[in-house]
Amino acid sequence: MEETLKQILARLEVIESKLDENIQVTKALRHNNEEVNAQLHCLGHNLAELTGKVNQLDKKADKLDSRFEQMEMQQDIIKADVMFLARKAIEQDEAMYRLQKAK
């Protein structure tokens, strides 16, 4: 009976040791899980911030694109004006040449 009691106590010590080890592993896993959750929360915050910045850049790019289109239209108008003025200058030169010849 005493031998059986010693065996039971020995097994109980092994079980207690394994239980303590399991408790430590569980605590470590819980701590690691909390760290991962904190990092995930931080990543979510960073992603939201980056999304906001990307949206701002998209708006700025759209604004620049609109300005560029306006500038192209203005440039086309200026080209047409320059061509008109060049034609008028040529016409005046021709008229002056004809007047000088007529004298």
N, C-alpha and C. Protein backbone atom coordinates (compact mmCIF):
# COMPACT_ATOMS: atom_id res chain seq x y z
N MET A 1 0.82 -1.18 0.00
CA MET A 1 0.00 0.00 0.00
C MET A 1 0.87 1.26 0.00
N GLU A 2 1.90 1.23 0.79
CA GLU A 2 2.82 2.36 0.86
C GLU A 2 3.52 2.55 -0.48
N GLU A 3 3.85 1.46 -1.13
CA GLU A 3 4.49 1.52 -2.44
C GLU A 3 3.53 2.13 -3.46
N THR A 4 2.30 1.76 -3.42
CA THR A 4 1.28 2.29 -4.32
C THR A 4 1.11 3.79 -4.09
N LEU A 5 1.12 4.19 -2.83
CA LEU A 5 0.99 5.60 -2.48
C LEU A 5 2.17 6.40 -3.03
N LYS A 6 3.39 5.82 -2.94
CA LYS A 6 4.58 6.48 -3.47
C LYS A 6 4.47 6.63 -4.99
N GLN A 7 3.97 5.60 -5.64
CA GLN A 7 3.81 5.65 -7.09
C GLN A 7 2.79 6.73 -7.49
N ILE A 8 1.71 6.77 -6.73
CA ILE A 8 0.67 7.77 -7.00
C ILE A 8 1.24 9.17 -6.80
N LEU A 9 2.00 9.37 -5.72
CA LEU A 9 2.61 10.67 -5.45
C LEU A 9 3.61 11.05 -6.54
N ALA A 10 4.39 10.07 -6.99
CA ALA A 10 5.36 10.33 -8.06
C ALA A 10 4.64 10.74 -9.34
N ARG A 11 3.56 10.04 -9.65
CA ARG A 11 2.79 10.37 -10.86
C ARG A 11 2.13 11.74 -10.71
N LEU A 12 1.68 12.01 -9.49
CA LEU A 12 1.05 13.30 -9.23
C LEU A 12 2.06 14.44 -9.41
N GLU A 13 3.29 14.22 -8.98
CA GLU A 13 4.34 15.23 -9.17
C GLU A 13 4.60 15.47 -10.66
N VAL A 14 4.61 14.39 -11.44
CA VAL A 14 4.81 14.50 -12.89
C VAL A 14 3.66 15.29 -13.50
N ILE A 15 2.44 14.96 -13.06
CA ILE A 15 1.26 15.64 -13.59
C ILE A 15 1.29 17.12 -13.22
N GLU A 16 1.67 17.42 -11.97
CA GLU A 16 1.76 18.82 -11.54
C GLU A 16 2.82 19.57 -12.35
N SER A 17 3.92 18.92 -12.61
CA SER A 17 4.99 19.53 -13.40
C SER A 17 4.50 19.84 -14.82
N LYS A 18 3.81 18.86 -15.42
CA LYS A 18 3.28 19.06 -16.77
C LYS A 18 2.19 20.13 -16.78
N LEU A 19 1.38 20.17 -15.72
CA LEU A 19 0.34 21.18 -15.62
C LEU A 19 0.96 22.57 -15.52
N ASP A 20 2.01 22.71 -14.70
CA ASP A 20 2.71 24.00 -14.59
C ASP A 20 3.30 24.41 -15.95
N GLU A 21 3.86 23.44 -16.64
CA GLU A 21 4.43 23.71 -17.96
C GLU A 21 3.33 24.15 -18.93
N ASN A 22 2.20 23.47 -18.90
CA ASN A 22 1.07 23.83 -19.77
C ASN A 22 0.54 25.23 -19.44
N ILE A 23 0.50 25.55 -18.15
CA ILE A 23 0.05 26.88 -17.74
C ILE A 23 1.00 27.95 -18.29
N GLN A 24 2.31 27.70 -18.18
CA GLN A 24 3.29 28.66 -18.70
C GLN A 24 3.16 28.83 -20.22
N VAL A 25 2.97 27.72 -20.92
CA VAL A 25 2.81 27.78 -22.37
C VAL A 25 1.53 28.55 -22.73
N THR A 26 0.46 28.28 -21.98
CA THR A 26 -0.81 28.98 -22.22
C THR A 26 -0.66 30.48 -21.99
N LYS A 27 0.03 30.86 -20.92
CA LYS A 27 0.26 32.28 -20.64
C LYS A 27 1.09 32.92 -21.75
N ALA A 28 2.11 32.20 -22.21
CA ALA A 28 2.95 32.73 -23.29
C ALA A 28 2.13 32.90 -24.57
N LEU A 29 1.28 31.92 -24.87
CA LEU A 29 0.43 32.02 -26.06
C LEU A 29 -0.56 33.18 -25.94
N ARG A 30 -1.13 33.35 -24.77
CA ARG A 30 -2.07 34.46 -24.55
C ARG A 30 -1.35 35.80 -24.73
N HIS A 31 -0.15 35.90 -24.16
CA HIS A 31 0.63 37.14 -24.29
C HIS A 31 0.95 37.40 -25.77
N ASN A 32 1.37 36.36 -26.46
CA ASN A 32 1.70 36.49 -27.89
C ASN A 32 0.45 36.91 -28.68
N ASN A 33 -0.69 36.34 -28.33
CA ASN A 33 -1.94 36.68 -28.99
C ASN A 33 -2.28 38.16 -28.77
N GLU A 34 -2.06 38.65 -27.57
CA GLU A 34 -2.31 40.06 -27.27
C GLU A 34 -1.38 40.97 -28.09
N GLU A 35 -0.12 40.55 -28.22
CA GLU A 35 0.83 41.32 -29.03
C GLU A 35 0.40 41.35 -30.50
N VAL A 36 -0.01 40.20 -31.00
CA VAL A 36 -0.45 40.12 -32.40
C VAL A 36 -1.69 40.99 -32.61
N ASN A 37 -2.61 40.97 -31.66
CA ASN A 37 -3.81 41.81 -31.77
C ASN A 37 -3.44 43.29 -31.77
N ALA A 38 -2.49 43.67 -30.93
CA ALA A 38 -2.05 45.07 -30.89
C ALA A 38 -1.39 45.47 -32.22
N GLN A 39 -0.57 44.58 -32.75
CA GLN A 39 0.08 44.86 -34.04
C GLN A 39 -0.96 44.96 -35.16
N LEU A 40 -1.95 44.09 -35.12
CA LEU A 40 -3.01 44.10 -36.13
C LEU A 40 -3.81 45.40 -36.05
N HIS A 41 -4.09 45.83 -34.84
CA HIS A 41 -4.80 47.10 -34.65
C HIS A 41 -3.96 48.26 -35.22
N CYS A 42 -2.68 48.23 -34.95
CA CYS A 42 -1.77 49.27 -35.46
C CYS A 42 -1.74 49.25 -36.99
N LEU A 43 -1.69 48.05 -37.58
CA LEU A 43 -1.69 47.94 -39.03
C LEU A 43 -3.00 48.48 -39.62
N GLY A 44 -4.11 48.19 -38.95
CA GLY A 44 -5.39 48.71 -39.41
C GLY A 44 -5.41 50.23 -39.39
N HIS A 45 -4.87 50.80 -38.33
CA HIS A 45 -4.79 52.27 -38.22
C HIS A 45 -3.91 52.83 -39.33
N ASN A 46 -2.74 52.21 -39.54
CA ASN A 46 -1.82 52.67 -40.59
C ASN A 46 -2.46 52.56 -41.97
N LEU A 47 -3.20 51.47 -42.19
CA LEU A 47 -3.86 51.27 -43.48
C LEU A 47 -4.91 52.36 -43.70
N ALA A 48 -5.66 52.68 -42.67
CA ALA A 48 -6.67 53.74 -42.79
C ALA A 48 -6.00 55.08 -43.10
N GLU A 49 -4.89 55.34 -42.46
CA GLU A 49 -4.15 56.59 -42.70
C GLU A 49 -3.62 56.64 -44.14
N LEU A 50 -3.06 55.52 -44.59
CA LEU A 50 -2.54 55.46 -45.96
C LEU A 50 -3.67 55.59 -46.98
N THR A 51 -4.80 54.98 -46.69
CA THR A 51 -5.95 55.08 -47.59
C THR A 51 -6.38 56.54 -47.73
N GLY A 52 -6.39 57.25 -46.62
CA GLY A 52 -6.73 58.68 -46.66
C GLY A 52 -5.75 59.47 -47.50
N LYS A 53 -4.47 59.17 -47.34
CA LYS A 53 -3.45 59.89 -48.12
C LYS A 53 -3.57 59.56 -49.61
N VAL A 54 -3.85 58.31 -49.93
CA VAL A 54 -4.02 57.92 -51.33
C VAL A 54 -5.23 58.65 -51.93
N ASN A 55 -6.31 58.74 -51.16
CA ASN A 55 -7.49 59.46 -51.65
C ASN A 55 -7.16 60.94 -51.90
N GLN A 56 -6.38 61.54 -51.00
CA GLN A 56 -5.96 62.93 -51.20
C GLN A 56 -5.13 63.07 -52.47
N LEU A 57 -4.21 62.13 -52.67
CA LEU A 57 -3.37 62.17 -53.87
C LEU A 57 -4.21 61.98 -55.13
N ASP A 58 -5.22 61.12 -55.06
CA ASP A 58 -6.12 60.93 -56.21
C ASP A 58 -6.83 62.24 -56.55
N LYS A 59 -7.31 62.92 -55.51
CA LYS A 59 -8.00 64.20 -55.75
C LYS A 59 -7.05 65.22 -56.36
N LYS A 60 -5.82 65.27 -55.84
CA LYS A 60 -4.83 66.21 -56.39
C LYS A 60 -4.49 65.86 -57.84
N ALA A 61 -4.36 64.56 -58.12
CA ALA A 61 -4.06 64.13 -59.49
C ALA A 61 -5.21 64.50 -60.43
N ASP A 62 -6.45 64.32 -59.97
CA ASP A 62 -7.60 64.70 -60.78
C ASP A 62 -7.60 66.21 -61.05
N LYS A 63 -7.26 66.98 -60.02
CA LYS A 63 -7.22 68.44 -60.16
C LYS A 63 -6.13 68.84 -61.17
N LEU A 64 -4.96 68.20 -61.06
CA LEU A 64 -3.87 68.50 -62.00
C LEU A 64 -4.25 68.10 -63.42
N ASP A 65 -4.93 66.97 -63.56
CA ASP A 65 -5.37 66.52 -64.87
C ASP A 65 -6.34 67.53 -65.48
N SER A 66 -7.25 68.03 -64.66
CA SER A 66 -8.20 69.04 -65.12
C SER A 66 -7.48 70.31 -65.55
N ARG A 67 -6.51 70.74 -64.74
CA ARG A 67 -5.72 71.93 -65.09
C ARG A 67 -4.96 71.72 -66.40
N PHE A 68 -4.40 70.53 -66.55
CA PHE A 68 -3.64 70.21 -67.76
C PHE A 68 -4.55 70.30 -68.99
N GLU A 69 -5.76 69.75 -68.87
CA GLU A 69 -6.70 69.82 -69.99
C GLU A 69 -7.05 71.27 -70.31
N GLN A 70 -7.25 72.09 -69.27
CA GLN A 70 -7.55 73.51 -69.50
C GLN A 70 -6.38 74.20 -70.19
N MET A 71 -5.16 73.87 -69.77
CA MET A 71 -3.98 74.48 -70.38
C MET A 71 -3.85 74.05 -71.84
N GLU A 72 -4.16 72.79 -72.14
CA GLU A 72 -4.12 72.33 -73.52
C GLU A 72 -5.13 73.09 -74.37
N MET A 73 -6.32 73.31 -73.83
CA MET A 73 -7.34 74.07 -74.56
C MET A 73 -6.88 75.50 -74.78
N GLN A 74 -6.30 76.12 -73.76
CA GLN A 74 -5.78 77.48 -73.90
C GLN A 74 -4.66 77.54 -74.93
N GLN A 75 -3.82 76.51 -74.91
CA GLN A 75 -2.71 76.46 -75.87
C GLN A 75 -3.26 76.36 -77.30
N ASP A 76 -4.31 75.55 -77.49
CA ASP A 76 -4.92 75.45 -78.82
C ASP A 76 -5.49 76.79 -79.27
N ILE A 77 -6.12 77.51 -78.34
CA ILE A 77 -6.68 78.83 -78.67
C ILE A 77 -5.55 79.79 -79.04
N ILE A 78 -4.46 79.77 -78.27
CA ILE A 78 -3.31 80.64 -78.55
C ILE A 78 -2.71 80.30 -79.91
N LYS A 79 -2.59 79.01 -80.23
CA LYS A 79 -2.07 78.60 -81.54
C LYS A 79 -2.94 79.17 -82.66
N ALA A 80 -4.25 79.03 -82.48
CA ALA A 80 -5.16 79.56 -83.51
C ALA A 80 -5.01 81.07 -83.65
N ASP A 81 -4.89 81.77 -82.52
CA ASP A 81 -4.70 83.22 -82.55
C ASP A 81 -3.40 83.60 -83.25
N VAL A 82 -2.32 82.88 -82.95
CA VAL A 82 -1.03 83.16 -83.58
C VAL A 82 -1.10 82.91 -85.08
N MET A 83 -1.76 81.82 -85.47
CA MET A 83 -1.89 81.53 -86.90
C MET A 83 -2.71 82.62 -87.59
N PHE A 84 -3.78 83.08 -86.94
CA PHE A 84 -4.60 84.16 -87.50
C PHE A 84 -3.76 85.42 -87.67
N LEU A 85 -3.02 85.78 -86.62
CA LEU A 85 -2.18 86.98 -86.67
C LEU A 85 -1.10 86.86 -87.74
N ALA A 86 -0.54 85.66 -87.87
CA ALA A 86 0.49 85.44 -88.90
C ALA A 86 -0.10 85.64 -90.29
N ARG A 87 -1.31 85.11 -90.52
CA ARG A 87 -1.96 85.29 -91.82
C ARG A 87 -2.25 86.77 -92.10
N LYS A 88 -2.72 87.45 -91.06
CA LYS A 88 -3.01 88.88 -91.22
C LYS A 88 -1.73 89.66 -91.52
N ALA A 89 -0.64 89.29 -90.86
CA ALA A 89 0.64 89.97 -91.11
C ALA A 89 1.09 89.73 -92.53
N ILE A 90 0.92 88.51 -93.02
CA ILE A 90 1.30 88.20 -94.41
C ILE A 90 0.42 88.99 -95.37
N GLU A 91 -0.89 89.05 -95.07
CA GLU A 91 -1.80 89.82 -95.93
C GLU A 91 -1.40 91.29 -95.96
N GLN A 92 -1.04 91.84 -94.81
CA GLN A 92 -0.62 93.25 -94.75
C GLN A 92 0.68 93.45 -95.53
N ASP A 93 1.61 92.50 -95.37
CA ASP A 93 2.86 92.60 -96.13
C ASP A 93 2.58 92.60 -97.63
N GLU A 94 1.68 91.71 -98.05
CA GLU A 94 1.34 91.64 -99.48
C GLU A 94 0.68 92.94 -99.94
N ALA A 95 -0.22 93.45 -99.09
CA ALA A 95 -0.91 94.71 -99.45
C ALA A 95 0.10 95.85 -99.54
N MET A 96 1.03 95.93 -98.61
CA MET A 96 2.06 96.98 -98.64
C MET A 96 2.95 96.82 -99.87
N TYR A 97 3.28 95.59 -100.22
CA TYR A 97 4.12 95.33 -101.39
C TYR A 97 3.40 95.80 -102.65
N ARG A 98 2.09 95.50 -102.75
CA ARG A 98 1.31 95.92 -103.91
C ARG A 98 1.21 97.45 -103.99
N LEU A 99 1.05 98.08 -102.82
CA LEU A 99 0.98 99.54 -102.79
C LEU A 99 2.30 100.17 -103.23
N GLN A 100 3.40 99.59 -102.78
CA GLN A 100 4.71 100.12 -103.16
C GLN A 100 4.95 99.93 -104.66
N LYS A 101 4.48 98.83 -105.21
CA LYS A 101 4.65 98.57 -106.64
C LYS A 101 3.78 99.51 -107.47
N ALA A 102 2.64 99.84 -106.90
CA ALA A 102 1.70 100.69 -107.62
C ALA A 102 2.22 102.12 -107.73
N LYS A 103 3.08 102.55 -106.87
CA LYS A 103 3.61 103.92 -106.89
C LYS A 103 4.45 104.12 -108.06
